Amino acid sequence: MTKKRFSWLHLILLFVLTAVLTVGIVAAVFWNLFGSAGLSLLEGLYLVNSRFVGEYDQTEMVDSALEGMVEGLGDRWSYYLTEEELADQNQRRTNQYVGVGVTVDYTEEAGLKILSVTEGGPAEGAGLQPGEIITAVDGFSLAGEAKYEGTQRIQGEEGTSVTLEITGTDGTVRTVELVRTSLDSDPVTAKLLENNVGYVALSNFYDNSANRLEEEVTRLQAEGAAALVFDMRNNGGGYLNQLTDMLDFLLPEGPIFITRDKAGHEEVTQSDASCVELPMAVLVNANTYSAAEFFAAELREWGVAVIVGEPTSGKGYSQQTFALPHGGAMAISTGAYFTGSGTSLIGTGLTLDAEVYQTGEGDAQLEAALALLAQNP
């Protein structure tokens, strides 16, 4: 009679041992990755879900927790997005959106300051002008911190109406009702100025911006441009590939961008030999961020451009947006970036060839840039 090598008891013990080892390995991996902080977050979620007696919205709770986590990084460039904010961001970055056709900033305490009005949009049709302040949306005041909700409240479904309270540049207050529409936002406007200087204004570095800049620069060259002014004022940046495509088009062969991740791995982007051989100037202000700031720095580093305007923030991190299972997203700094020579802008910002502020009528910064180009043809 043949004896069994393993009894059922042996098999059960083997199964239990395997399970214990697996759990131990998983626990060790979890602890190495997340430590006590991760365990505390999970325990907090468990306690709320299992013990809290009040009513609450779970999505709102998770959004608040994740927003607090990102704020706790102490990094002004990282941010959290709710599901709705993520959808809005993705839409804006296509350079298409549903809205009323205004570009705004948050520098005014009373509300949103209009920087520009889209040609052919509802805002232009209603007579809105740059410099005016949007102080309320559908009766909701945008004073103070509430202004940061303004753009989301102005946007909405195509064909719906929105009522804006506007304070004019002369202090008068009026109310306008606008119908939201689908708008294409051309990121580049260009024209040939006197003395054959090509002027190129770029509003962002999102989809199609590099192609549009190349098209307009090529057109200006064909029209006889002998120099170029790039207006990067109020440009908050955008995609890295759009930035490097622009720099590759404008600059000769060599390194134009270096990025370094948390592990210390570096990636160097090179430009080819084809370039635009014209003297250049870049206009910047306090709202010139990220790719726009770096664009100016790299052109100056190569010695092909002067920089005119106001001191900039000195951004030196790039962000990645990570979609999360519940619908929101974390956009966190995942790379430090440097010019082709290895220079970081952190803590210094741009080196200005002429520090000029806008005062009164006219464009003092553009005039200063034109003067510098005339001195160094």
Protein backbone atom coordinates (compact mmCIF):
# COMPACT_ATOMS: atom_id res chain seq x y z
CA MET A 1 0.00 0.00 0.00
CA THR A 2 1.40 3.43 -1.09
CA LYS A 3 1.55 6.15 1.54
CA LYS A 4 0.51 9.72 0.77
CA ARG A 5 3.46 12.10 0.92
CA PHE A 6 1.26 15.01 2.09
CA SER A 7 -1.83 14.85 4.26
CA TRP A 8 -4.70 17.31 4.11
CA LEU A 9 -3.30 18.88 7.25
CA HIS A 10 -0.01 19.52 5.50
CA LEU A 11 -1.79 21.17 2.57
CA ILE A 12 -3.84 23.38 4.88
CA LEU A 13 -0.73 24.42 6.80
CA LEU A 14 1.08 25.16 3.50
CA PHE A 15 -1.85 27.29 2.34
CA VAL A 16 -1.95 29.22 5.62
CA LEU A 17 1.81 29.78 5.55
CA THR A 18 1.65 31.04 1.95
CA ALA A 19 -1.20 33.40 2.83
CA VAL A 20 0.68 34.74 5.88
CA LEU A 21 3.82 35.30 3.82
CA THR A 22 1.83 37.05 1.07
CA VAL A 23 0.10 39.33 3.55
CA GLY A 24 3.45 40.07 5.20
CA ILE A 25 5.08 40.93 1.88
CA VAL A 26 2.16 43.17 0.89
CA ALA A 27 2.26 44.88 4.30
CA ALA A 28 6.01 45.43 4.01
CA VAL A 29 5.68 46.88 0.51
CA PHE A 30 2.82 49.14 1.69
CA TRP A 31 4.85 50.32 4.68
CA ASN A 32 7.92 51.07 2.55
CA LEU A 33 5.82 53.03 0.05
CA PHE A 34 3.44 54.84 2.38
CA GLY A 35 4.63 54.44 5.97
CA SER A 36 2.58 55.62 8.94
CA ALA A 37 1.28 58.61 6.95
CA GLY A 38 -0.42 56.38 4.39
CA LEU A 39 -1.83 54.17 7.12
CA SER A 40 -3.21 57.25 8.90
CA LEU A 41 -4.95 58.44 5.73
CA LEU A 42 -6.57 55.05 5.22
CA GLU A 43 -7.60 54.87 8.86
CA GLY A 44 -9.10 58.35 8.65
CA LEU A 45 -11.19 57.33 5.63
CA TYR A 46 -12.24 54.14 7.41
CA LEU A 47 -13.30 56.05 10.53
CA VAL A 48 -15.38 58.55 8.57
CA ASN A 49 -17.09 55.83 6.53
CA SER A 50 -17.72 53.54 9.49
CA ARG A 51 -18.26 55.82 12.49
CA PHE A 52 -19.30 59.35 11.41
CA VAL A 53 -23.01 59.86 12.16
CA GLY A 54 -23.68 62.99 10.09
CA GLU A 55 -24.54 63.28 6.43
CA TYR A 56 -21.75 64.08 4.01
CA ASP A 57 -20.85 63.99 0.33
CA GLN A 58 -18.03 61.47 -0.10
CA THR A 59 -16.70 63.07 -3.29
CA GLU A 60 -16.58 66.48 -1.62
CA MET A 61 -14.82 64.98 1.38
CA VAL A 62 -12.18 63.28 -0.78
CA ASP A 63 -11.70 66.43 -2.86
CA SER A 64 -11.08 68.45 0.30
CA ALA A 65 -8.64 65.88 1.68
CA LEU A 66 -6.64 65.70 -1.55
CA GLU A 67 -6.61 69.47 -1.92
CA GLY A 68 -5.21 69.72 1.61
CA MET A 69 -2.56 67.11 0.78
CA VAL A 70 -1.35 69.12 -2.21
CA GLU A 71 -1.39 72.39 -0.23
CA GLY A 72 0.69 70.66 2.42
CA LEU A 73 3.52 70.23 -0.09
CA GLY A 74 4.23 73.96 0.18
CA ASP A 75 4.76 74.10 -3.59
CA ARG A 76 2.95 77.03 -5.21
CA TRP A 77 3.02 75.27 -8.59
CA SER A 78 1.25 72.04 -7.55
CA TYR A 79 -2.53 72.01 -7.37
CA TYR A 80 -5.61 69.81 -7.06
CA LEU A 81 -8.52 69.62 -9.52
CA THR A 82 -12.04 68.38 -8.96
CA GLU A 83 -13.65 66.33 -11.71
CA GLU A 84 -15.33 69.45 -13.15
CA GLU A 85 -12.14 71.52 -12.93
CA LEU A 86 -10.18 68.75 -14.67
CA ALA A 87 -12.69 68.70 -17.54
CA ASP A 88 -12.46 72.51 -17.84
CA GLN A 89 -8.67 72.40 -17.87
CA ASN A 90 -8.58 69.69 -20.54
CA GLN A 91 -10.97 71.73 -22.67
CA ARG A 92 -8.95 74.96 -22.33
CA ARG A 93 -5.75 73.22 -23.29
CA THR A 94 -7.17 72.35 -26.70
CA ASN A 95 -7.39 76.12 -27.35
CA GLN A 96 -11.14 75.61 -27.74
CA TYR A 97 -13.71 76.38 -25.04
CA VAL A 98 -17.31 77.31 -24.31
CA GLY A 99 -17.57 80.76 -22.77
CA VAL A 100 -18.04 84.44 -23.50
CA GLY A 101 -14.62 85.32 -24.94
CA VAL A 102 -12.57 87.08 -22.27
CA THR A 103 -9.11 86.51 -20.85
CA VAL A 104 -8.82 87.58 -17.22
CA ASP A 105 -6.40 87.75 -14.31
CA TYR A 106 -6.79 87.77 -10.52
CA THR A 107 -4.83 90.88 -9.58
CA GLU A 108 -7.87 92.99 -8.61
CA GLU A 109 -9.51 92.62 -5.20
CA ALA A 110 -12.93 93.51 -6.61
CA GLY A 111 -13.10 90.68 -9.14
CA LEU A 112 -11.66 89.50 -12.46
CA LYS A 113 -9.76 92.02 -14.54
CA ILE A 114 -10.31 91.65 -18.29
CA LEU A 115 -6.98 91.39 -20.08
CA SER A 116 -8.27 90.80 -23.60
CA VAL A 117 -11.53 90.23 -25.48
CA THR A 118 -11.83 87.54 -28.16
CA GLU A 119 -12.71 88.89 -31.58
CA GLY A 120 -16.19 87.83 -32.65
CA GLY A 121 -17.14 86.49 -29.21
CA PRO A 122 -20.16 87.41 -27.06
CA ALA A 123 -18.09 89.73 -24.83
CA GLU A 124 -16.94 91.81 -27.79
CA GLY A 125 -20.52 92.02 -29.04
CA ALA A 126 -21.62 93.36 -25.64
CA GLY A 127 -18.89 95.99 -25.61
CA LEU A 128 -16.65 94.58 -22.88
CA GLN A 129 -13.18 96.15 -22.89
CA PRO A 130 -9.71 95.28 -21.55
CA GLY A 131 -9.15 96.91 -18.16
CA GLU A 132 -12.75 96.51 -17.01
CA ILE A 133 -13.55 94.41 -13.93
CA ILE A 134 -16.09 91.58 -13.76
CA THR A 135 -17.42 91.97 -10.21
CA ALA A 136 -20.27 89.44 -10.19
CA VAL A 137 -21.54 86.43 -12.14
CA ASP A 138 -25.29 85.70 -12.01
CA GLY A 139 -25.47 87.77 -8.81
CA PHE A 140 -22.54 85.99 -7.17
CA SER A 141 -19.95 88.54 -5.99
CA LEU A 142 -16.37 87.92 -7.09
CA ALA A 143 -14.80 90.15 -4.44
CA GLY A 144 -11.86 88.78 -2.48
CA GLU A 145 -11.15 85.06 -2.62
CA ALA A 146 -14.44 84.44 -4.49
CA LYS A 147 -12.81 85.73 -7.68
CA TYR A 148 -11.05 82.37 -8.04
CA GLU A 149 -14.48 80.82 -8.73
CA GLY A 150 -15.19 83.37 -11.43
CA THR A 151 -13.94 81.61 -14.56
CA GLN A 152 -15.76 78.39 -13.68
CA ARG A 153 -19.00 80.31 -13.13
CA ILE A 154 -18.64 82.22 -16.40
CA GLN A 155 -18.14 79.02 -18.40
CA GLY A 156 -21.00 76.59 -18.94
CA GLU A 157 -23.01 74.78 -21.58
CA GLU A 158 -23.17 76.23 -25.06
CA GLY A 159 -26.34 78.26 -25.67
CA THR A 160 -26.98 79.08 -22.00
CA SER A 161 -27.02 82.62 -20.64
CA VAL A 162 -24.83 84.27 -18.01
CA THR A 163 -25.23 87.71 -16.45
CA LEU A 164 -22.10 89.70 -15.61
CA GLU A 165 -21.78 92.84 -13.53
CA ILE A 166 -19.06 95.04 -15.03
CA THR A 167 -17.19 97.98 -13.56
CA GLY A 168 -15.84 100.13 -16.38
CA THR A 169 -12.47 101.86 -16.43
CA ASP A 170 -14.30 105.10 -15.54
CA GLY A 171 -15.90 103.50 -12.47
CA THR A 172 -19.40 103.13 -13.91
CA VAL A 173 -21.24 99.88 -13.20
CA ARG A 174 -23.42 98.05 -15.72
CA THR A 175 -24.97 94.60 -16.14
CA VAL A 176 -24.74 92.57 -19.35
CA GLU A 177 -26.35 89.28 -20.30
CA LEU A 178 -24.30 87.05 -22.62
CA VAL A 179 -24.99 83.75 -24.34
CA ARG A 180 -22.17 81.24 -23.99
CA THR A 181 -20.78 79.93 -27.26
CA SER A 182 -18.08 77.60 -28.52
CA LEU A 183 -14.94 79.58 -29.33
CA ASP A 184 -11.63 78.79 -30.97
CA SER A 185 -8.83 80.52 -29.15
CA ASP A 186 -5.96 81.32 -31.51
CA PRO A 187 -2.90 81.44 -29.22
CA VAL A 188 -0.92 83.64 -31.62
CA THR A 189 -1.51 87.10 -33.05
CA ALA A 190 1.09 88.78 -35.24
CA LYS A 191 1.67 91.89 -37.32
CA LEU A 192 4.45 93.81 -39.01
CA LEU A 193 5.29 97.04 -37.19
CA GLU A 194 7.13 100.09 -38.47
CA ASN A 195 10.81 99.65 -39.34
CA ASN A 196 10.06 96.07 -40.41
CA VAL A 197 9.81 94.64 -36.89
CA GLY A 198 7.60 91.58 -36.60
CA TYR A 199 5.42 91.51 -33.48
CA VAL A 200 4.24 88.07 -32.25
CA ALA A 201 2.00 87.77 -29.17
CA LEU A 202 1.55 84.31 -27.65
CA SER A 203 -1.21 83.70 -25.09
CA ASN A 204 -0.32 80.11 -24.10
CA PHE A 205 1.74 77.03 -24.94
CA TYR A 206 -1.17 74.63 -25.46
CA ASP A 207 -2.32 72.68 -28.53
CA ASN A 208 -1.18 74.04 -31.89
CA SER A 209 0.69 77.01 -30.39
CA ALA A 210 4.07 75.96 -31.81
CA ASN A 211 2.65 75.47 -35.32
CA ARG A 212 0.91 78.85 -35.17
CA LEU A 213 4.05 80.65 -33.99
CA GLU A 214 6.08 79.07 -36.79
CA GLU A 215 3.42 80.02 -39.35
CA GLU A 216 3.31 83.65 -38.23
CA VAL A 217 7.09 84.07 -37.98
CA THR A 218 7.49 82.57 -41.46
CA ARG A 219 4.82 84.94 -42.81
CA LEU A 220 6.48 87.97 -41.19
CA GLN A 221 9.85 86.99 -42.65
CA ALA A 222 8.26 86.75 -46.09
CA GLU A 223 6.82 90.24 -45.58
CA GLY A 224 10.28 91.61 -44.85
CA ALA A 225 10.66 91.42 -41.07
CA ALA A 226 14.20 92.34 -40.06
CA ALA A 227 13.67 91.71 -36.32
CA LEU A 228 11.13 90.02 -34.05
CA VAL A 229 9.42 90.95 -30.79
CA PHE A 230 7.77 88.08 -28.88
CA ASP A 231 5.13 89.24 -26.41
CA MET A 232 4.96 86.76 -23.51
CA ARG A 233 3.14 89.06 -21.10
CA ASN A 234 0.28 87.39 -19.17
CA ASN A 235 1.29 84.01 -20.61
CA GLY A 236 0.95 81.25 -18.01
CA GLY A 237 2.81 78.59 -20.00
CA GLY A 238 1.53 75.20 -21.12
CA TYR A 239 2.96 72.06 -22.68
CA LEU A 240 6.66 71.24 -22.72
CA ASN A 241 6.57 69.83 -26.26
CA GLN A 242 5.13 73.10 -27.58
CA LEU A 243 7.94 75.05 -25.89
CA THR A 244 10.73 72.84 -27.22
CA ASP A 245 9.24 72.82 -30.74
CA MET A 246 9.29 76.64 -30.72
CA LEU A 247 12.86 76.79 -29.44
CA ASP A 248 13.97 74.19 -31.99
CA PHE A 249 12.43 76.32 -34.76
CA LEU A 250 14.08 79.54 -33.58
CA LEU A 251 17.51 78.40 -32.32
CA PRO A 252 20.57 76.77 -33.90
CA GLU A 253 21.95 73.34 -33.10
CA GLY A 254 22.58 72.56 -29.46
CA PRO A 255 20.96 71.80 -26.08
CA ILE A 256 17.84 73.89 -25.41
CA PHE A 257 16.17 72.22 -22.41
CA ILE A 258 17.18 69.94 -19.53
CA THR A 259 14.77 68.22 -17.17
CA ARG A 260 15.65 66.19 -14.07
CA ASP A 261 13.25 63.85 -12.22
CA LYS A 262 13.14 62.88 -8.54
CA ALA A 263 15.54 59.99 -9.10
CA GLY A 264 18.09 62.35 -10.66
CA HIS A 265 17.67 61.13 -14.23
CA GLU A 266 18.30 63.89 -16.77
CA GLU A 267 16.88 64.31 -20.24
CA VAL A 268 18.39 66.83 -22.63
CA THR A 269 16.42 68.22 -25.59
CA GLN A 270 18.49 69.26 -28.59
CA SER A 271 17.76 71.75 -31.36
CA ASP A 272 18.73 71.05 -34.96
CA ALA A 273 20.82 73.38 -37.13
CA SER A 274 17.87 75.11 -38.81
CA CYS A 275 17.04 78.43 -37.12
CA VAL A 276 15.67 81.96 -37.54
CA GLU A 277 18.57 84.35 -37.95
CA LEU A 278 16.99 87.62 -36.84
CA PRO A 279 17.57 89.83 -33.78
CA MET A 280 14.82 89.31 -31.23
CA ALA A 281 13.29 90.77 -28.08
CA VAL A 282 10.92 89.23 -25.54
CA LEU A 283 8.37 91.18 -23.50
CA VAL A 284 7.57 89.83 -20.02
CA ASN A 285 5.70 90.89 -16.89
CA ALA A 286 4.84 89.49 -13.46
CA ASN A 287 2.29 87.15 -15.08
CA THR A 288 4.86 85.53 -17.39
CA TYR A 289 5.17 82.00 -16.03
CA SER A 290 6.56 78.58 -16.74
CA ALA A 291 7.15 77.87 -20.46
CA ALA A 292 6.79 81.58 -21.30
CA GLU A 293 9.45 82.54 -18.78
CA PHE A 294 11.74 79.75 -19.96
CA PHE A 295 11.23 80.74 -23.62
CA ALA A 296 12.65 84.18 -22.85
CA ALA A 297 15.52 82.76 -20.77
CA GLU A 298 16.65 80.33 -23.47
CA LEU A 299 16.59 82.91 -26.27
CA ARG A 300 18.66 85.28 -24.15
CA GLU A 301 21.09 82.54 -23.17
CA TRP A 302 21.80 81.89 -26.85
CA GLY A 303 22.45 85.60 -27.34
CA VAL A 304 19.69 86.08 -29.91
CA ALA A 305 17.22 88.09 -27.79
CA VAL A 306 16.98 90.84 -25.21
CA ILE A 307 14.33 90.72 -22.45
CA VAL A 308 12.26 93.77 -21.56
CA GLY A 309 9.60 94.23 -18.87
CA GLU A 310 9.07 93.34 -15.22
CA PRO A 311 10.75 90.84 -12.86
CA THR A 312 9.33 87.33 -13.13
CA SER A 313 8.65 84.65 -10.52
CA GLY A 314 11.47 82.21 -11.24
CA LYS A 315 9.55 79.00 -11.90
CA GLY A 316 11.76 75.96 -12.28
CA TYR A 317 9.47 72.94 -11.91
CA SER A 318 7.28 71.18 -14.44
CA GLN A 319 4.00 69.55 -13.43
CA GLN A 320 2.24 66.35 -14.44
CA THR A 321 -1.51 65.90 -14.03
CA PHE A 322 -2.51 62.50 -12.62
CA ALA A 323 -6.17 61.54 -12.96
CA LEU A 324 -7.53 59.77 -9.86
CA PRO A 325 -10.11 56.97 -9.67
CA HIS A 326 -12.88 59.14 -8.20
CA GLY A 327 -12.66 61.67 -11.08
CA GLY A 328 -10.41 64.40 -9.70
CA ALA A 329 -6.73 64.89 -10.42
CA MET A 330 -3.47 65.95 -8.79
CA ALA A 331 -1.12 68.19 -10.75
CA ILE A 332 2.20 68.02 -8.94
CA SER A 333 5.74 69.10 -9.67
CA THR A 334 7.61 66.04 -10.97
CA GLY A 335 10.59 67.57 -12.74
CA ALA A 336 13.09 70.35 -12.25
CA TYR A 337 14.02 72.09 -15.47
CA PHE A 338 17.07 74.03 -16.64
CA THR A 339 18.28 75.95 -19.65
CA GLY A 340 20.56 74.25 -22.16
CA SER A 341 23.60 75.40 -20.16
CA GLY A 342 22.14 73.98 -16.93
CA THR A 343 20.83 77.21 -15.37
CA SER A 344 17.74 77.16 -13.13
CA LEU A 345 15.41 80.15 -12.83
CA ILE A 346 14.36 79.29 -9.26
CA GLY A 347 14.93 82.18 -6.89
CA THR A 348 16.17 84.52 -9.62
CA GLY A 349 13.64 84.75 -12.42
CA LEU A 350 14.73 86.32 -15.69
CA THR A 351 17.70 88.60 -16.20
CA LEU A 352 16.18 91.73 -17.74
CA ASP A 353 18.00 93.88 -20.28
CA ALA A 354 15.58 96.71 -19.52
CA GLU A 355 13.27 96.84 -16.49
CA VAL A 356 10.24 98.78 -17.66
CA TYR A 357 6.77 99.14 -16.11
CA GLN A 358 3.58 100.15 -17.86
CA THR A 359 2.45 103.64 -16.86
CA GLY A 360 -0.25 105.76 -18.44
CA GLU A 361 -1.13 105.42 -22.10
CA GLY A 362 0.89 103.60 -24.72
CA ASP A 363 3.09 100.53 -24.42
CA ALA A 364 6.30 101.58 -22.71
CA GLN A 365 7.65 98.03 -22.66
CA LEU A 366 7.22 97.53 -26.40
CA GLU A 367 8.76 100.93 -27.10
CA ALA A 368 11.78 100.04 -24.95
CA ALA A 369 12.20 96.73 -26.79
CA LEU A 370 12.05 98.47 -30.18
CA ALA A 371 14.67 100.97 -28.98
CA LEU A 372 17.03 98.17 -27.93
CA LEU A 373 16.60 96.40 -31.28
CA ALA A 374 17.35 99.65 -33.09
CA GLN A 375 20.57 100.03 -31.10
CA ASN A 376 21.69 96.48 -31.90
CA PRO A 377 20.51 95.69 -35.43
